[in-house]
């Protein structure tokens, strides 16, 4: 192996980070913070989120953004599902999907 190639390989090995799986840690040990999550939305849903955050900005909340709107929607869903078992949770989603289908 050439000297330059050997140095490059040694440097790559020396600077390679070892993965640390935080999902294996207990809940209390995991870092607090946020994650970026990609979510697929239909165009009307995405437009509604955009409209809502712009409405909040015009109403005086300069820090309003799409994430704020989605987080608030998630909190509402958490409240609705609190204390429900898996079967009740499934029923909740089926009922709401049926209501939306009937409205269209």
Protein backbone atom coordinates (compact mmCIF):
# COMPACT_ATOMS: atom_id res chain seq x y z
CA UNK A 1 0.00 0.00 0.00
CA UNK A 2 1.33 3.45 -0.85
CA UNK A 3 2.36 5.77 1.96
CA UNK A 4 -0.37 8.31 1.10
CA UNK A 5 -3.05 5.65 0.92
CA UNK A 6 -1.93 4.19 4.24
CA UNK A 7 -2.08 7.63 5.91
CA UNK A 8 -5.58 8.22 4.53
CA UNK A 9 -6.79 4.84 5.78
CA UNK A 10 -5.25 5.43 9.22
CA UNK A 11 -6.82 8.88 9.43
CA UNK A 12 -10.23 7.55 8.39
CA UNK A 13 -10.06 4.81 11.01
CA UNK A 14 -8.89 7.25 13.70
CA UNK A 15 -11.64 9.79 13.04
CA UNK A 16 -14.55 7.38 12.55
CA UNK A 17 -17.24 7.92 15.16
CA UNK A 18 -18.69 4.91 16.87
CA UNK A 19 -22.51 4.77 16.81
CA UNK A 20 -24.27 5.11 20.15
CA UNK A 21 -27.80 3.80 20.10
CA UNK A 22 -29.90 6.07 22.32
CA UNK A 23 -33.02 4.00 21.74
CA UNK A 24 -31.50 1.29 23.92
CA UNK A 25 -31.20 3.65 26.88
CA UNK A 26 -33.90 3.83 29.48
CA UNK A 27 -36.35 6.71 29.10
CA UNK A 28 -34.75 8.75 31.89
CA UNK A 29 -31.34 8.54 30.25
CA UNK A 30 -32.35 9.66 26.77
CA UNK A 31 -31.53 13.17 25.64
CA UNK A 32 -34.33 15.67 25.79
CA UNK A 33 -34.81 17.71 22.68
CA UNK A 34 -36.40 17.28 19.33
CA UNK A 35 -36.20 15.16 16.21
CA UNK A 36 -36.92 16.05 12.64
CA UNK A 37 -39.61 13.73 11.32
CA UNK A 38 -40.80 13.58 7.72
CA UNK A 39 -44.55 13.21 7.35
CA UNK A 40 -46.56 12.84 4.16
CA UNK A 41 -49.60 15.09 3.89
CA UNK A 42 -52.20 15.57 1.22
CA UNK A 43 -52.14 18.99 -0.41
CA UNK A 44 -55.27 20.30 1.39
CA UNK A 45 -53.81 19.30 4.77
CA UNK A 46 -50.47 21.00 4.04
CA UNK A 47 -52.26 24.10 2.79
CA UNK A 48 -54.41 24.19 5.94
CA UNK A 49 -51.29 24.04 8.13
CA UNK A 50 -49.70 26.86 6.10
CA UNK A 51 -52.89 28.93 6.32
CA UNK A 52 -53.15 28.39 10.08
CA UNK A 53 -49.58 29.37 10.91
CA UNK A 54 -49.83 32.46 8.67
CA UNK A 55 -53.07 33.38 10.42
CA UNK A 56 -51.30 33.08 13.79
CA UNK A 57 -48.46 35.28 12.53
CA UNK A 58 -50.89 37.95 11.30
CA UNK A 59 -52.69 37.77 14.64
CA UNK A 60 -49.47 38.69 16.42
CA UNK A 61 -47.49 35.50 17.06
CA UNK A 62 -44.20 36.13 15.23
CA UNK A 63 -42.83 32.71 16.21
CA UNK A 64 -45.74 30.77 14.71
CA UNK A 65 -44.69 28.12 12.20
CA UNK A 66 -45.80 24.79 10.77
CA UNK A 67 -44.19 22.87 13.63
CA UNK A 68 -46.21 24.81 16.19
CA UNK A 69 -49.45 23.95 14.43
CA UNK A 70 -48.57 20.26 14.12
CA UNK A 71 -47.34 20.01 17.74
CA UNK A 72 -50.60 21.55 18.98
CA UNK A 73 -52.56 19.06 16.88
CA UNK A 74 -50.52 16.21 18.38
CA UNK A 75 -51.20 17.50 21.91
CA UNK A 76 -54.92 17.55 21.12
CA UNK A 77 -54.73 13.98 19.85
CA UNK A 78 -52.82 12.93 22.98
CA UNK A 79 -55.61 14.42 25.11
CA UNK A 80 -58.27 12.61 23.08
CA UNK A 81 -56.47 9.26 23.37
CA UNK A 82 -55.38 9.53 27.01
CA UNK A 83 -56.45 6.47 28.99
CA UNK A 84 -57.70 4.56 25.94
CA UNK A 85 -56.62 0.96 25.42
CA UNK A 86 -55.42 -0.26 21.99
CA UNK A 87 -58.92 -1.30 20.88
CA UNK A 88 -60.40 2.06 21.88
CA UNK A 89 -57.57 3.85 20.09
CA UNK A 90 -58.25 1.88 16.92
CA UNK A 91 -61.98 2.62 17.20
CA UNK A 92 -61.18 6.34 17.60
CA UNK A 93 -59.22 6.40 14.33
CA UNK A 94 -61.79 4.30 12.44
CA UNK A 95 -64.64 6.56 13.58
CA UNK A 96 -62.80 9.73 12.63
CA UNK A 97 -61.82 8.34 9.22
CA UNK A 98 -65.45 7.31 8.62
CA UNK A 99 -66.67 10.83 9.55
CA UNK A 100 -64.21 12.39 7.11
CA UNK A 101 -65.22 9.98 4.33
CA UNK A 102 -68.90 10.75 4.92
CA UNK A 103 -68.24 14.50 4.82
CA UNK A 104 -66.51 14.34 1.43
